[in-house]
């Protein structure tokens, strides 16, 4: 087979691209900038965000909201840019493509995504449920009969699944329960309590430095901001954002318990012995693994480089396209 093999993690906030033999070649914001409806004058990712800041004629579009396709036209533009980034504009052989998507993505949105990738030049397109991709990307082998639990926390949604024999046995999807929701809660708190609107990068720094789930140990972080021409500072403590952390973590733990209840006993025994794996960018929240483990009784451990698990999983899937043909939606 002479065509390239391309894996895409199509996330709410980030799109990651993998090309077999080349590795992960890009990680970009899931956003496109389009000039007055002219898709030929469009940009993708960080370039789109940067250009739109200084050009009022460019309008930013976010094709994915809480894991679902909220703007089909912008999604088509984004997929076209991704394909160009992966294989170039001039191509003799069409690539095989695997796209990781939310497990509960509706059928009509799946068909629209398949068509978009085909129109962008793919030879064959497969849609892979994100929890399965994340599990494979974290090193779990799904071909056996043993049960495995994966918790995949992204920016726009959280998915919990028990997997075995290359399929999903029990699952829950929590749209809107992701990193963006946590960041918005903290931003709203700071604005309400301190009268300060912090930028998204500063909120991310607060989460990385001050947020810790399941503990009363206080941490403090000083942030700087501008008010008029003056630079000022503000101290944010971990205790004051504890309610946001609990609002974020408790529904995930509850969903884990629901999935375990739906899981056959032999597979629950496997999970009790092996624990659950935590993937996605949200896995980096300090203390979340211990909190989920203490709440559910199942040991939870974060995967190494959890934000890359899903895109790596698409790479493993590209080596096993026969499995995808048996189990997942695809077009050829």
Protein backbone atom coordinates (compact mmCIF):
# COMPACT_ATOMS: atom_id res chain seq x y z
CA UNK A 1 0.00 0.00 0.00
CA UNK A 2 1.62 3.24 -1.16
CA UNK A 3 -0.77 5.77 0.34
CA UNK A 4 -0.04 7.29 3.74
CA UNK A 5 -1.92 6.30 6.89
CA UNK A 6 -3.26 9.22 8.92
CA UNK A 7 -4.72 9.26 12.44
CA UNK A 8 -6.72 12.24 13.72
CA UNK A 9 -7.83 13.00 17.26
CA UNK A 10 -10.67 15.45 16.63
CA UNK A 11 -11.13 17.06 20.03
CA UNK A 12 -13.20 19.99 21.24
CA UNK A 13 -10.19 22.21 21.91
CA UNK A 14 -7.30 20.43 20.17
CA UNK A 15 -6.84 18.45 16.97
CA UNK A 16 -3.84 16.15 16.85
CA UNK A 17 -2.52 14.54 13.69
CA UNK A 18 -0.44 11.38 13.37
CA UNK A 19 1.14 9.98 10.22
CA UNK A 20 2.42 6.42 10.32
CA UNK A 21 6.18 6.40 9.99
CA UNK A 22 6.42 10.08 10.93
CA UNK A 23 4.77 10.18 14.37
CA UNK A 24 2.58 12.96 15.73
CA UNK A 25 3.14 15.80 13.29
CA UNK A 26 0.82 18.47 14.67
CA UNK A 27 -1.30 19.52 17.63
CA UNK A 28 -3.45 22.54 16.84
CA UNK A 29 -6.48 24.33 18.31
CA UNK A 30 -9.70 22.97 16.81
CA UNK A 31 -10.57 26.23 15.11
CA UNK A 32 -10.67 27.68 11.62
CA UNK A 33 -10.72 31.29 10.44
CA UNK A 34 -12.80 32.01 7.33
CA UNK A 35 -12.96 35.29 5.46
CA UNK A 36 -16.58 36.26 4.72
CA UNK A 37 -17.60 32.74 3.81
CA UNK A 38 -14.70 32.21 1.38
CA UNK A 39 -13.29 28.82 2.37
CA UNK A 40 -10.37 29.32 -0.02
CA UNK A 41 -9.20 32.15 2.26
CA UNK A 42 -9.28 30.08 5.44
CA UNK A 43 -6.73 29.21 8.10
CA UNK A 44 -6.49 26.42 10.66
CA UNK A 45 -5.31 26.13 14.25
CA UNK A 46 -2.87 28.53 15.88
CA UNK A 47 -2.40 30.37 12.59
CA UNK A 48 -6.15 31.03 12.46
CA UNK A 49 -6.23 32.40 16.01
CA UNK A 50 -3.21 34.63 15.42
CA UNK A 51 -4.44 36.00 12.09
CA UNK A 52 -7.95 36.72 13.36
CA UNK A 53 -6.60 38.89 16.19
CA UNK A 54 -5.36 41.46 13.71
CA UNK A 55 -7.86 41.03 10.88
CA UNK A 56 -11.52 41.91 11.43
CA UNK A 57 -12.41 40.26 8.11
CA UNK A 58 -11.52 36.82 9.47
CA UNK A 59 -14.11 35.10 11.60
CA UNK A 60 -13.18 32.28 13.96
CA UNK A 61 -15.29 29.10 13.93
CA UNK A 62 -15.14 26.24 16.43
CA UNK A 63 -16.51 23.15 14.65
CA UNK A 64 -16.67 20.93 17.75
CA UNK A 65 -18.65 21.78 20.89
CA UNK A 66 -18.74 19.36 23.83
CA UNK A 67 -17.57 16.57 21.55
CA UNK A 68 -20.23 17.01 18.87
CA UNK A 69 -20.11 18.75 15.50
CA UNK A 70 -21.71 22.15 15.99
CA UNK A 71 -20.71 23.67 12.65
CA UNK A 72 -20.67 21.24 9.73
CA UNK A 73 -19.32 23.74 7.19
CA UNK A 74 -16.42 24.72 9.45
CA UNK A 75 -15.76 21.04 10.18
CA UNK A 76 -15.34 20.38 6.45
CA UNK A 77 -12.86 23.24 6.19
CA UNK A 78 -10.94 21.95 9.20
CA UNK A 79 -10.74 18.38 7.88
CA UNK A 80 -9.45 19.67 4.55
CA UNK A 81 -6.70 21.62 6.32
CA UNK A 82 -5.81 18.57 8.42
CA UNK A 83 -5.48 16.40 5.32
CA UNK A 84 -3.28 18.96 3.59
CA UNK A 85 -1.10 19.17 6.70
CA UNK A 86 -0.80 15.38 6.83
CA UNK A 87 -0.22 14.45 3.18
CA UNK A 88 0.18 17.69 1.21
CA UNK A 89 -1.89 19.10 -1.62
CA UNK A 90 -0.24 17.10 -4.41
CA UNK A 91 -0.77 13.39 -3.82
CA UNK A 92 -0.66 10.44 -6.18
CA UNK A 93 -1.95 7.87 -3.70
CA UNK A 94 -4.87 8.57 -1.40
CA UNK A 95 -4.38 7.95 2.35
CA UNK A 96 -6.24 5.69 4.77
CA UNK A 97 -7.61 7.78 7.64
CA UNK A 98 -8.77 6.93 11.17
CA UNK A 99 -10.60 9.68 13.11
CA UNK A 100 -11.25 9.35 16.85
CA UNK A 101 -14.66 10.76 17.83
CA UNK A 102 -16.98 10.87 20.81
CA UNK A 103 -18.61 7.46 21.26
CA UNK A 104 -22.12 8.95 21.28
CA UNK A 105 -21.61 11.11 18.19
CA UNK A 106 -24.95 10.95 16.31
CA UNK A 107 -25.18 8.98 13.08
CA UNK A 108 -25.81 11.97 10.84
CA UNK A 109 -22.72 13.71 12.22
CA UNK A 110 -20.68 10.56 11.66
CA UNK A 111 -21.81 10.44 8.05
CA UNK A 112 -20.98 14.12 7.58
CA UNK A 113 -17.49 13.52 8.96
CA UNK A 114 -16.91 10.51 6.73
CA UNK A 115 -18.01 12.50 3.69
CA UNK A 116 -15.80 15.46 4.64
CA UNK A 117 -12.70 13.28 4.89
CA UNK A 118 -13.54 11.55 1.60
CA UNK A 119 -13.97 14.89 -0.17
CA UNK A 120 -10.66 15.99 1.34
CA UNK A 121 -8.93 13.13 -0.47
CA UNK A 122 -9.03 10.09 1.81
CA UNK A 123 -9.11 6.65 0.23
CA UNK A 124 -10.74 4.95 3.19
CA UNK A 125 -12.08 6.64 6.35
CA UNK A 126 -12.77 4.94 9.68
CA UNK A 127 -14.38 6.47 12.76
CA UNK A 128 -13.05 5.09 16.03
CA UNK A 129 -14.70 5.70 19.41
CA UNK A 130 -12.39 7.86 21.52
CA UNK A 131 -12.36 5.61 24.63
CA UNK A 132 -11.16 2.68 22.53
CA UNK A 133 -8.51 4.82 20.87
CA UNK A 134 -7.41 6.17 24.27
CA UNK A 135 -7.18 2.66 25.72
CA UNK A 136 -5.05 1.43 22.82
CA UNK A 137 -2.90 4.54 23.02
CA UNK A 138 -2.23 3.89 26.71
CA UNK A 139 -0.96 0.40 25.93
CA UNK A 140 -4.05 -1.69 26.70
CA UNK A 141 -4.59 -4.75 24.51
CA UNK A 142 -8.28 -5.13 23.79
CA UNK A 143 -8.22 -8.38 21.81
CA UNK A 144 -8.53 -10.59 24.90
CA UNK A 145 -11.53 -11.35 27.08
CA UNK A 146 -10.24 -9.40 30.11
CA UNK A 147 -12.13 -6.27 31.07
CA UNK A 148 -10.46 -2.86 31.07
CA UNK A 149 -11.80 0.49 32.26
CA UNK A 150 -10.74 3.77 30.67
CA UNK A 151 -11.67 7.30 31.76
CA UNK A 152 -11.04 9.79 28.96
CA UNK A 153 -11.35 13.42 30.08
CA UNK A 154 -11.13 16.00 27.33
CA UNK A 155 -11.88 19.69 27.12
CA UNK A 156 -15.53 19.29 26.14
CA UNK A 157 -16.60 15.91 27.49
CA UNK A 158 -15.71 12.92 29.63
CA UNK A 159 -16.17 9.31 28.59
CA UNK A 160 -15.97 6.25 30.81
CA UNK A 161 -15.99 2.80 29.26
CA UNK A 162 -15.38 -0.83 30.09
CA UNK A 163 -13.79 -2.57 27.11
CA UNK A 164 -13.16 -6.20 26.21
CA UNK A 165 -12.84 -8.33 23.04
CA UNK A 166 -12.35 -5.17 20.94
CA UNK A 167 -15.69 -3.65 21.87
CA UNK A 168 -17.46 -1.54 24.50
CA UNK A 169 -19.25 -3.51 27.23
CA UNK A 170 -20.59 -0.60 29.31
CA UNK A 171 -20.11 3.14 29.07
CA UNK A 172 -21.21 6.62 30.01
CA UNK A 173 -20.59 9.86 28.11
CA UNK A 174 -20.76 13.21 29.93
CA UNK A 175 -20.97 16.01 27.34
CA UNK A 176 -19.88 19.34 28.79
CA UNK A 177 -18.12 17.67 31.73
CA UNK A 178 -14.52 18.41 30.81
CA UNK A 179 -11.65 20.79 31.22
CA UNK A 180 -13.49 23.71 29.64
CA UNK A 181 -16.27 23.43 32.21
CA UNK A 182 -13.77 23.44 35.08
CA UNK A 183 -11.93 26.45 33.64
CA UNK A 184 -15.21 28.35 33.16
CA UNK A 185 -16.26 27.63 36.76
CA UNK A 186 -12.97 28.98 38.12
CA UNK A 187 -13.09 32.02 35.82
CA UNK A 188 -16.64 32.81 36.98
CA UNK A 189 -15.59 32.45 40.62
CA UNK A 190 -12.62 34.82 40.23
CA UNK A 191 -14.77 37.38 38.46
CA UNK A 192 -17.52 37.13 41.09
CA UNK A 193 -15.25 37.21 44.16
CA UNK A 194 -12.42 39.43 42.98
CA UNK A 195 -14.02 41.43 40.16
CA UNK A 196 -11.27 40.35 37.76
CA UNK A 197 -11.64 38.65 34.39
CA UNK A 198 -8.63 36.42 33.84
CA UNK A 199 -7.54 35.18 30.43
CA UNK A 200 -7.79 31.51 29.49
CA UNK A 201 -3.99 30.94 29.72
CA UNK A 202 -3.93 32.41 33.23
CA UNK A 203 -6.83 30.19 34.30
CA UNK A 204 -4.89 27.20 32.93
CA UNK A 205 -1.92 28.26 35.08
CA UNK A 206 -4.20 28.48 38.13
CA UNK A 207 -5.45 24.93 37.50
CA UNK A 208 -1.91 23.63 37.02
CA UNK A 209 -0.46 25.39 40.08
CA UNK A 210 -3.23 25.72 42.66
CA UNK A 211 -5.84 23.08 41.87
CA UNK A 212 -5.66 19.78 43.71
CA UNK A 213 -8.64 17.45 44.04
CA UNK A 214 -9.60 15.73 47.28
CA UNK A 215 -7.42 17.59 49.78
CA UNK A 216 -7.73 20.52 52.17
CA UNK A 217 -4.06 21.36 51.90
CA UNK A 218 -3.98 25.00 50.86
CA UNK A 219 -2.02 26.24 47.91
CA UNK A 220 -1.65 29.83 46.87
CA UNK A 221 -0.94 31.36 43.50
CA UNK A 222 -0.29 34.98 42.71
CA UNK A 223 -1.44 36.16 39.29
CA UNK A 224 -0.90 39.51 37.65
CA UNK A 225 -3.40 41.37 35.50
CA UNK A 226 -3.85 44.82 34.04
CA UNK A 227 -6.52 47.30 35.03
CA UNK A 228 -6.28 50.31 32.79
CA UNK A 229 -2.59 51.24 32.55
CA UNK A 230 -1.72 49.68 35.91
CA UNK A 231 -0.47 46.17 36.58
CA UNK A 232 -1.96 44.57 39.67
CA UNK A 233 -1.66 41.25 41.47
CA UNK A 234 -4.17 38.84 42.93
CA UNK A 235 -3.75 35.79 45.18
CA UNK A 236 -5.92 32.77 44.47
CA UNK A 237 -6.02 29.85 46.92
CA UNK A 238 -6.84 26.21 46.35
CA UNK A 239 -9.50 26.36 49.07
CA UNK A 240 -11.54 29.00 47.28
CA UNK A 241 -11.75 26.94 44.09
CA UNK A 242 -12.51 23.66 45.89
CA UNK A 243 -16.22 23.83 45.01
CA UNK A 244 -15.34 24.00 41.30
CA UNK A 245 -13.04 20.99 41.63
CA UNK A 246 -15.73 18.95 43.38
CA UNK A 247 -18.31 19.99 40.78
CA UNK A 248 -15.90 18.68 38.17
CA UNK A 249 -14.80 15.43 39.84
CA UNK A 250 -17.93 14.09 41.53
CA UNK A 251 -20.00 13.49 38.35
CA UNK A 252 -17.07 11.56 36.88
CA UNK A 253 -16.90 9.33 39.95
CA UNK A 254 -20.68 8.82 39.85
CA UNK A 255 -20.51 7.84 36.18
CA UNK A 256 -17.71 5.39 36.96
CA UNK A 257 -19.91 3.69 39.55
CA UNK A 258 -22.78 3.50 37.06
CA UNK A 259 -20.54 1.88 34.46
CA UNK A 260 -19.24 -0.62 37.01
CA UNK A 261 -22.82 -1.50 37.96
CA UNK A 262 -23.57 -2.23 34.29
CA UNK A 263 -20.45 -4.37 33.91
CA UNK A 264 -20.68 -8.19 34.16
CA UNK A 265 -19.12 -9.58 37.34
CA UNK A 266 -16.16 -11.38 35.69
CA UNK A 267 -15.08 -8.12 34.04
CA UNK A 268 -15.55 -6.18 37.29
CA UNK A 269 -13.15 -8.65 38.91
CA UNK A 270 -10.62 -7.92 36.16
CA UNK A 271 -10.98 -4.17 36.75
CA UNK A 272 -10.64 -4.56 40.52
CA UNK A 273 -7.39 -6.41 39.95
CA UNK A 274 -5.92 -4.20 37.23
CA UNK A 275 -7.44 -0.81 38.04
CA UNK A 276 -8.64 1.87 35.62
CA UNK A 277 -6.60 4.07 33.30
CA UNK A 278 -7.07 7.84 33.18
CA UNK A 279 -6.49 9.51 29.80
CA UNK A 280 -7.01 12.86 28.10
CA UNK A 281 -5.77 16.31 28.99
CA UNK A 282 -7.99 16.34 32.09
CA UNK A 283 -5.99 13.45 33.55
CA UNK A 284 -3.25 15.93 34.47
CA UNK A 285 -5.41 17.52 37.19
CA UNK A 286 -3.49 16.77 40.37
CA UNK A 287 -5.18 14.42 42.80
CA UNK A 288 -7.98 13.40 40.44
CA UNK A 289 -6.74 9.83 40.10
CA UNK A 290 -6.60 9.36 43.88
CA UNK A 291 -10.00 11.00 44.38
CA UNK A 292 -11.68 8.75 41.80
CA UNK A 293 -10.00 5.69 43.28
CA UNK A 294 -11.05 6.55 46.83
CA UNK A 295 -14.63 7.31 45.75
CA UNK A 296 -15.19 4.21 43.59
CA UNK A 297 -12.95 1.62 45.24
CA UNK A 298 -11.09 1.02 41.97
CA UNK A 299 -7.45 1.99 41.69
CA UNK A 300 -7.07 4.73 39.07
CA UNK A 301 -3.77 5.66 37.47
CA UNK A 302 -3.00 8.32 34.91
CA UNK A 303 -1.42 7.21 31.67
CA UNK A 304 1.92 8.66 30.66
CA UNK A 305 1.38 11.74 28.45
CA UNK A 306 -2.40 11.25 28.77
CA UNK A 307 -3.24 14.01 26.28
CA UNK A 308 -1.60 11.93 23.52
CA UNK A 309 -3.31 8.60 24.23
CA UNK A 310 -6.14 9.04 21.76
CA UNK A 311 -4.06 10.11 18.78
CA UNK A 312 -1.56 7.34 19.50
CA UNK A 313 -4.49 4.92 19.56
CA UNK A 314 -5.46 5.96 16.05
CA UNK A 315 -1.94 4.98 15.01
CA UNK A 316 -2.34 1.50 16.47
CA UNK A 317 -5.73 1.21 14.79
CA UNK A 318 -4.16 2.05 11.44
CA UNK A 319 -2.10 -1.13 11.82
CA UNK A 320 -5.28 -3.16 12.39
CA UNK A 321 -7.77 -1.90 9.82
CA UNK A 322 -9.46 -5.31 9.62
CA UNK A 323 -10.63 -4.88 13.21
CA UNK A 324 -12.08 -1.48 12.33
CA UNK A 325 -13.95 -2.94 9.37
CA UNK A 326 -15.65 -5.44 11.68
CA UNK A 327 -16.53 -3.05 14.47
CA UNK A 328 -16.72 0.57 13.31
CA UNK A 329 -18.33 2.85 10.81
CA UNK A 330 -16.26 3.49 7.72
CA UNK A 331 -16.54 4.52 4.08
CA UNK A 332 -14.54 3.41 1.09
